[in-house]
Protein backbone atom coordinates (compact mmCIF):
# COMPACT_ATOMS: atom_id res chain seq x y z
CA MET A 1 -158.37 -305.95 148.31
CA ALA A 2 -160.89 -305.20 145.76
CA LYS A 3 -160.52 -306.99 142.46
CA HIS A 4 -160.15 -303.80 140.40
CA GLU A 5 -157.04 -302.85 142.36
CA LEU A 6 -155.04 -305.97 141.54
CA ALA A 7 -152.76 -306.78 138.65
CA ILE A 8 -150.12 -309.44 138.04
CA GLY A 9 -146.93 -308.10 136.62
CA ILE A 10 -144.44 -310.61 135.02
CA ASP A 11 -140.95 -309.99 133.87
CA LEU A 12 -139.73 -312.71 131.54
CA GLY A 13 -136.07 -312.82 130.82
CA GLY A 14 -133.70 -315.30 129.32
CA THR A 15 -132.29 -316.02 132.89
CA SER A 16 -135.03 -315.32 135.34
CA ILE A 17 -138.90 -315.00 135.62
CA ARG A 18 -140.12 -312.50 138.12
CA ALA A 19 -143.76 -312.12 139.09
CA GLY A 20 -145.51 -309.72 141.50
CA VAL A 21 -148.97 -308.83 142.62
CA VAL A 22 -149.24 -305.10 142.02
CA ASP A 23 -151.93 -302.81 143.48
CA ALA A 24 -153.16 -299.59 142.00
CA ARG A 25 -150.50 -297.48 143.86
CA GLY A 26 -147.76 -299.60 142.29
CA GLN A 27 -147.00 -301.39 145.45
CA VAL A 28 -145.82 -305.07 145.13
CA THR A 29 -147.80 -307.02 147.68
CA GLY A 30 -146.48 -310.44 146.66
CA TYR A 31 -143.35 -311.42 144.77
CA ALA A 32 -141.63 -314.50 143.38
CA LYS A 33 -138.68 -315.29 141.29
CA LYS A 34 -137.70 -318.42 139.36
CA LYS A 35 -135.01 -319.57 136.88
CA THR A 36 -136.33 -319.47 133.27
CA HIS A 37 -134.40 -322.53 132.31
CA ALA A 38 -134.78 -321.51 128.67
CA ASP A 39 -133.00 -324.62 127.50
CA ARG A 40 -135.42 -327.06 129.23
CA GLY A 41 -138.57 -327.94 127.42
CA GLY A 42 -139.20 -324.98 125.05
CA ALA A 43 -141.89 -322.40 125.30
CA ALA A 44 -144.57 -324.64 126.75
CA ALA A 45 -142.33 -325.52 129.69
CA VAL A 46 -141.27 -322.06 130.30
CA THR A 47 -144.91 -320.93 130.34
CA GLU A 48 -145.59 -323.48 133.03
CA ARG A 49 -142.84 -321.91 135.07
CA ILE A 50 -144.35 -318.53 134.55
CA VAL A 51 -147.71 -319.67 135.83
CA ALA A 52 -145.98 -321.32 138.84
CA CYS A 53 -144.14 -318.04 139.58
CA ALA A 54 -147.28 -315.96 139.34
CA GLU A 55 -149.25 -318.32 141.66
CA GLU A 56 -146.39 -318.12 144.14
CA ALA A 57 -146.65 -314.41 144.14
CA LEU A 58 -150.38 -314.62 144.62
CA ALA A 59 -149.88 -316.95 147.63
CA GLN A 60 -147.40 -314.60 149.13
CA ALA A 61 -149.93 -311.76 148.70
CA LYS A 62 -152.47 -313.92 150.48
CA THR A 63 -154.88 -313.80 147.60
CA ASP A 64 -155.81 -315.91 144.60
CA LYS A 65 -156.32 -315.60 140.89
CA ASP A 66 -159.98 -314.68 141.22
CA ALA A 67 -158.87 -311.30 142.64
CA VAL A 68 -156.79 -310.42 139.47
CA GLN A 69 -158.31 -308.18 136.85
CA VAL A 70 -155.37 -307.86 134.44
CA LEU A 71 -151.99 -309.43 133.70
CA GLY A 72 -148.97 -307.62 132.26
CA VAL A 73 -145.93 -309.42 130.81
CA GLY A 74 -142.59 -307.84 129.83
CA VAL A 75 -140.87 -310.23 127.48
CA ALA A 76 -137.27 -310.30 126.36
CA GLY A 77 -138.06 -310.29 122.68
CA ILE A 78 -140.28 -308.76 120.04
CA VAL A 79 -144.10 -308.84 120.93
CA ASP A 80 -147.51 -307.99 119.61
CA GLY A 81 -149.19 -306.58 122.71
CA ALA A 82 -152.70 -306.39 121.39
CA LYS A 83 -152.67 -309.97 120.01
CA GLY A 84 -150.78 -311.31 123.10
CA ARG A 85 -148.19 -312.97 121.01
CA VAL A 86 -144.39 -313.25 121.38
CA ARG A 87 -143.31 -312.71 117.73
CA LEU A 88 -139.75 -313.63 118.49
CA GLY A 89 -137.92 -314.47 121.68
CA PRO A 90 -134.27 -315.30 120.64
CA ASN A 91 -132.95 -315.64 124.28
CA LEU A 92 -135.86 -317.68 125.63
CA GLY A 93 -135.12 -321.06 124.02
CA GLU A 94 -137.14 -323.03 121.37
CA GLY A 95 -140.75 -322.41 120.27
CA TRP A 96 -140.86 -318.61 120.86
CA THR A 97 -141.88 -317.62 117.29
CA GLU A 98 -145.51 -316.31 117.16
CA PHE A 99 -146.20 -317.89 120.53
CA PRO A 100 -149.60 -317.09 122.03
CA LEU A 101 -148.31 -316.39 125.61
CA GLY A 102 -150.98 -313.85 126.37
CA ARG A 103 -153.84 -316.08 125.36
CA ILE A 104 -152.49 -318.99 127.48
CA LEU A 105 -152.04 -316.73 130.57
CA ALA A 106 -155.37 -315.07 130.13
CA LYS A 107 -157.16 -318.36 130.02
CA HIS A 108 -155.45 -319.76 133.03
CA PHE A 109 -156.01 -316.68 135.23
CA ALA A 110 -159.37 -315.68 133.70
CA ALA A 111 -158.15 -312.21 133.11
CA PRO A 112 -156.99 -310.34 129.98
CA ALA A 113 -153.21 -310.11 129.41
CA TRP A 114 -151.02 -307.46 127.77
CA LEU A 115 -147.52 -308.09 126.40
CA GLU A 116 -144.76 -305.52 126.16
CA ASN A 117 -140.98 -305.73 125.66
CA ASP A 118 -139.28 -306.32 129.00
CA VAL A 119 -137.04 -303.21 128.90
CA ARG A 120 -139.91 -300.99 127.94
CA SER A 121 -141.76 -302.42 130.98
CA GLY A 122 -138.90 -301.56 133.16
CA ALA A 123 -138.68 -298.08 131.85
CA THR A 124 -142.42 -297.59 132.55
CA GLY A 125 -141.99 -298.96 136.15
CA GLU A 126 -139.19 -296.45 136.94
CA HIS A 127 -141.13 -293.61 135.30
CA GLU A 128 -144.38 -294.29 137.17
CA HIS A 129 -143.13 -295.24 140.55
CA GLY A 130 -139.31 -295.07 140.59
CA ALA A 131 -136.48 -292.64 139.88
CA GLY A 132 -138.23 -290.94 136.92
CA ARG A 133 -141.58 -290.35 138.55
CA ASP A 134 -141.37 -286.59 138.32
CA ALA A 135 -140.03 -286.40 134.79
CA LYS A 136 -142.15 -285.63 131.70
CA ASP A 137 -139.24 -286.96 129.39
CA MET A 138 -137.14 -289.94 130.53
CA ALA A 139 -134.86 -292.56 129.14
CA ALA A 140 -134.00 -295.81 130.76
CA ILE A 141 -130.87 -297.94 130.11
CA PHE A 142 -130.78 -301.48 131.52
CA VAL A 143 -127.33 -303.11 131.68
CA GLY A 144 -127.45 -306.98 131.93
CA THR A 145 -126.63 -309.86 129.62
CA GLY A 146 -127.28 -307.37 126.95
CA ILE A 147 -128.09 -303.68 126.99
CA GLY A 148 -131.65 -302.33 126.33
CA GLY A 149 -133.41 -299.14 126.73
CA GLY A 150 -136.78 -297.40 126.78
CA LEU A 151 -138.07 -293.86 126.16
CA ILE A 152 -140.80 -291.91 127.94
CA LEU A 153 -141.56 -288.74 125.94
CA ASP A 154 -144.35 -286.35 126.94
CA GLY A 155 -145.23 -288.65 129.78
CA LYS A 156 -145.92 -291.64 127.49
CA LEU A 157 -143.98 -294.76 126.54
CA ARG A 158 -142.66 -294.18 123.01
CA ARG A 159 -142.74 -297.51 121.04
CA GLY A 160 -141.97 -296.22 117.71
CA PHE A 161 -143.01 -297.07 114.10
CA ARG A 162 -142.25 -300.82 114.46
CA GLY A 163 -142.09 -301.05 118.26
CA ASN A 164 -138.36 -300.86 118.67
CA ALA A 165 -137.92 -297.29 120.06
CA GLY A 166 -135.23 -297.09 122.66
CA GLU A 167 -133.00 -299.93 121.42
CA VAL A 168 -129.74 -298.24 122.56
CA GLY A 169 -127.70 -301.33 122.82
CA HIS A 170 -126.66 -301.22 119.20
CA THR A 171 -125.59 -297.50 119.31
CA VAL A 172 -122.02 -297.04 118.11
CA VAL A 173 -119.83 -295.40 120.80
CA ALA A 174 -116.29 -296.54 119.75
CA MET A 175 -115.53 -296.35 116.08
CA GLY A 176 -112.88 -298.62 114.70
CA ASN A 177 -112.12 -300.64 117.87
CA GLY A 178 -112.79 -304.08 116.19
CA THR A 179 -115.56 -304.97 118.64
CA LEU A 180 -118.57 -306.53 116.83
CA GLY A 181 -122.09 -306.37 118.17
CA LYS A 182 -124.95 -308.65 117.22
CA THR A 183 -125.81 -306.30 114.37
CA GLY A 184 -122.35 -306.48 113.00
CA ALA A 185 -121.71 -302.88 113.69
CA ASP A 186 -118.26 -301.99 114.81
CA GLY A 187 -117.90 -300.38 118.32
CA THR A 188 -121.58 -300.75 119.52
CA VAL A 189 -122.10 -300.37 123.27
CA GLU A 190 -123.56 -303.76 123.97
CA PRO A 191 -120.47 -305.84 123.25
CA ILE A 192 -118.31 -303.42 125.31
CA ALA A 193 -120.48 -302.76 128.37
CA SER A 194 -122.98 -305.61 128.75
CA ARG A 195 -122.03 -308.43 131.18
CA THR A 196 -121.46 -310.64 128.15
CA GLY A 197 -119.17 -308.10 126.67
CA MET A 198 -117.26 -307.61 129.82
CA HIS A 199 -116.88 -311.36 130.15
CA ARG A 200 -115.29 -311.45 126.70
CA ARG A 201 -112.94 -308.67 127.59
CA VAL A 202 -111.98 -310.44 130.90
CA LYS A 203 -111.06 -313.54 129.00
CA GLU A 204 -109.06 -311.47 126.59
CA LEU A 205 -107.03 -309.80 129.41
CA VAL A 206 -106.56 -313.06 131.42
CA GLY A 207 -105.40 -314.69 128.19
CA ARG A 208 -102.50 -312.16 128.15
CA ARG A 209 -101.40 -313.54 131.47
CA ARG A 210 -102.80 -310.72 133.51
CA ARG A 211 -103.19 -311.76 137.13
CA SER A 212 -106.83 -311.91 138.24
CA ILE A 213 -109.12 -313.73 140.71
CA LEU A 214 -111.87 -313.59 138.07
CA PRO A 215 -111.48 -317.07 136.48
CA GLU A 216 -111.93 -318.63 139.93
CA LEU A 217 -114.79 -316.38 140.88
CA ILE A 218 -116.65 -316.93 137.63
CA GLU A 219 -116.51 -320.68 138.14
CA GLN A 220 -117.22 -320.92 141.86
CA VAL A 221 -119.60 -317.96 142.38
CA GLY A 222 -121.09 -317.22 138.85
CA GLY A 223 -121.56 -320.87 137.61
CA GLY A 224 -119.39 -320.08 134.53
CA ARG A 225 -120.73 -316.56 133.96
CA LEU A 226 -119.62 -313.08 134.87
CA THR A 227 -122.61 -312.28 136.99
CA SER A 228 -123.24 -309.00 138.86
CA LYS A 229 -122.25 -310.84 142.10
CA VAL A 230 -118.89 -311.87 140.66
CA ILE A 231 -118.18 -308.39 139.37
CA THR A 232 -119.04 -306.79 142.73
CA GLN A 233 -116.93 -309.34 144.66
CA ALA A 234 -113.98 -308.86 142.32
CA LEU A 235 -114.13 -305.07 142.75
CA ARG A 236 -114.37 -305.41 146.55
CA GLU A 237 -111.14 -307.38 146.46
CA GLY A 238 -109.42 -304.94 144.27
CA ASP A 239 -109.07 -307.04 141.22
CA ALA A 240 -107.16 -304.89 138.63
CA VAL A 241 -108.63 -306.63 135.59
CA MET A 242 -112.10 -306.17 136.76
CA GLN A 243 -111.50 -302.46 137.50
CA GLU A 244 -110.05 -301.92 134.02
CA VAL A 245 -112.99 -303.76 132.29
CA LEU A 246 -115.58 -301.91 134.30
CA ALA A 247 -113.95 -298.61 133.53
CA GLU A 248 -114.08 -299.35 129.80
CA ALA A 249 -117.85 -300.25 130.14
CA GLN A 250 -118.63 -297.11 132.15
CA GLU A 251 -116.76 -294.95 129.47
CA ALA A 252 -119.01 -296.61 126.77
CA LEU A 253 -122.06 -296.19 128.76
CA GLY A 254 -121.20 -292.54 129.47
CA ARG A 255 -120.99 -291.86 125.78
CA LEU A 256 -124.17 -293.71 125.26
CA ALA A 257 -126.01 -291.52 127.84
CA ALA A 258 -124.66 -288.37 126.21
CA ASN A 259 -125.86 -289.65 122.73
CA VAL A 260 -129.32 -290.18 124.27
CA ALA A 261 -129.38 -286.76 125.94
CA ASN A 262 -128.16 -284.99 122.84
CA LEU A 263 -130.70 -286.73 120.66
CA VAL A 264 -133.93 -286.53 122.73
CA ASP A 265 -133.01 -283.96 125.47
CA VAL A 266 -134.69 -285.95 128.35
CA GLU A 267 -134.89 -284.66 131.93
CA VAL A 268 -133.52 -287.84 133.48
CA ILE A 269 -131.71 -291.01 132.39
CA VAL A 270 -132.24 -293.98 134.73
CA PHE A 271 -129.81 -296.82 134.76
CA GLY A 272 -131.11 -300.28 135.85
CA GLY A 273 -130.07 -303.90 135.80
CA GLY A 274 -128.37 -306.22 138.27
CA LEU A 275 -125.03 -304.37 138.39
CA THR A 276 -126.75 -300.96 138.96
CA ASP A 277 -128.76 -302.58 141.70
CA ARG A 278 -125.66 -303.94 143.49
CA LEU A 279 -123.29 -300.87 142.97
CA GLY A 280 -125.78 -298.02 142.75
CA GLU A 281 -124.12 -294.57 142.71
CA GLU A 282 -120.63 -296.21 142.58
CA PHE A 283 -121.56 -297.60 139.18
CA VAL A 284 -123.38 -294.61 137.77
CA ALA A 285 -121.17 -291.69 138.97
CA PRO A 286 -118.27 -292.36 136.41
CA ILE A 287 -120.92 -292.77 133.63
CA ARG A 288 -122.44 -289.47 134.59
CA GLU A 289 -119.01 -287.81 134.48
CA VAL A 290 -118.34 -289.01 130.91
CA ALA A 291 -121.87 -288.20 129.77
CA TYR A 292 -121.62 -284.56 131.00
CA ALA A 293 -118.27 -284.19 129.22
CA ASN A 294 -119.91 -285.22 125.97
CA LEU A 295 -123.06 -283.14 126.13
CA ILE A 296 -123.42 -280.75 123.19
CA ASP A 297 -124.94 -278.20 125.62
CA LYS A 298 -122.90 -277.92 128.78
CA VAL A 299 -124.18 -274.41 129.70
CA THR A 300 -127.94 -274.59 130.09
CA ARG A 301 -129.11 -275.59 133.53
CA PRO A 302 -130.26 -277.93 134.87
CA LEU A 303 -128.33 -280.66 133.17
CA PRO A 304 -130.15 -283.91 132.69
CA ARG A 305 -130.13 -286.05 135.80
CA ILE A 306 -128.35 -289.42 135.37
CA VAL A 307 -129.27 -291.76 138.28
CA PRO A 308 -129.61 -295.31 139.39
CA GLY A 309 -133.05 -296.90 139.31
CA GLU A 310 -135.04 -297.25 142.46
CA LEU A 311 -137.14 -300.31 141.87
CA GLY A 312 -134.45 -303.00 141.30
CA ASP A 313 -135.91 -306.37 140.46
CA HIS A 314 -139.53 -304.88 140.76
CA ALA A 315 -139.00 -302.40 137.87
CA GLY A 316 -140.25 -304.76 135.07
CA VAL A 317 -142.97 -306.28 137.32
CA VAL A 318 -144.43 -302.89 138.27
CA GLY A 319 -144.11 -301.50 134.70
CA SER A 320 -145.81 -304.53 133.17
CA ALA A 321 -148.72 -304.12 135.56
CA VAL A 322 -148.92 -300.37 134.78
CA LEU A 323 -148.92 -300.91 130.98
CA ALA A 324 -151.58 -303.68 131.32
CA ARG A 325 -153.85 -301.37 133.29
CA LYS A 326 -153.48 -298.57 130.76
CA ALA A 327 -154.07 -300.82 127.83
CA LEU A 328 -156.89 -303.02 129.07
CA LEU A 329 -158.97 -301.10 131.63
C-alpha cells in the first residue's frame, strides 16, 4: 500500500491502549490492544507500551513504520493537538502534565503526530465511517469508566472555545438525589450511569442485604471491577440488582440524550463504549424511549436517531487517524 494511504490511529485510555493501521477508506488493516498499566512506570513507561502496541499493529498489517505518513492519538485527557502535548491526563498515572507525547511518537515513527481527546476521536470515527456517517449534525456519548461525549456540527468536529465541547458527563439529570460527580454537582449523569457509578450503586444495594451474584462476579470475572463483561453476565443470569442499577443508568442516559437533542438538535446520537458494544440495541432501546419522552418537540418528524455505534473498539483508532489526516495533510 502506498505511503500516503496509511496512518496509525491510537486510542489511549486509562485501562487500555488500542492501535490500528488505518487506510484512506477508514479500514483497519492491522490492530493491537494492550493494558495501559497506568500505575506502572509513569508516562515514559506508558509511552513505551504505546510504541509496542503500534508496532504490533504494523506487524499484523504486514507493513512497517516506513509506510506511515501520519499518526493520530486520542488521549483520555486535555491535549494541545498542534503542539503534540498532553496538558493533563488525570487517569493515565504519573507524569502526564505537559507531556510531549506527540513529539516522542513522531520521532520514533518518523511521521508527524496529532493529538486529540479520546472521546472526540471516537465521535469522529463514528461520524466518518460508523453509525453517523450520513449525518451532518451528530452527537456521540461514550459510556465507560466515566462518560464522555463529542459533537459534530455542520460536518465538523466542534472543539469549543477551550477544547471541551461535548463534555456531557457532568450534565445534571437528577436534581437533589445526593449523588455527587467529580465536579461536585448534585445529580450529574456520570456518577449515576458510568461503570464506576453503577459499581458504587451495586455496593450500596448489596450493603442493604439485597441478594446478588455481583460480588462474586466482580471478583472472579472483573478482577475487582464492575466491567462490561460482569454486567452482561449478571443480566444474562437474571440478577435483580444489576437489572435495577442498569435501569437507573438508562433512565439517566435517556434524559442526557434528550438534553443534547433539545440543545443542539442533532440528527443522530450515537452511543459507544464497552457496554454498548456488548449489549447493542438491548442497551440503547430503553435510553431512546426515555429520551423521546423528554424531547421538547415530539411532533416534528423525523425524530433524532438514537443508535448504538458500529465501530466498537475501532472507533477511537479510526477517528484519531481521520483527524490526523485532516490536520496534517
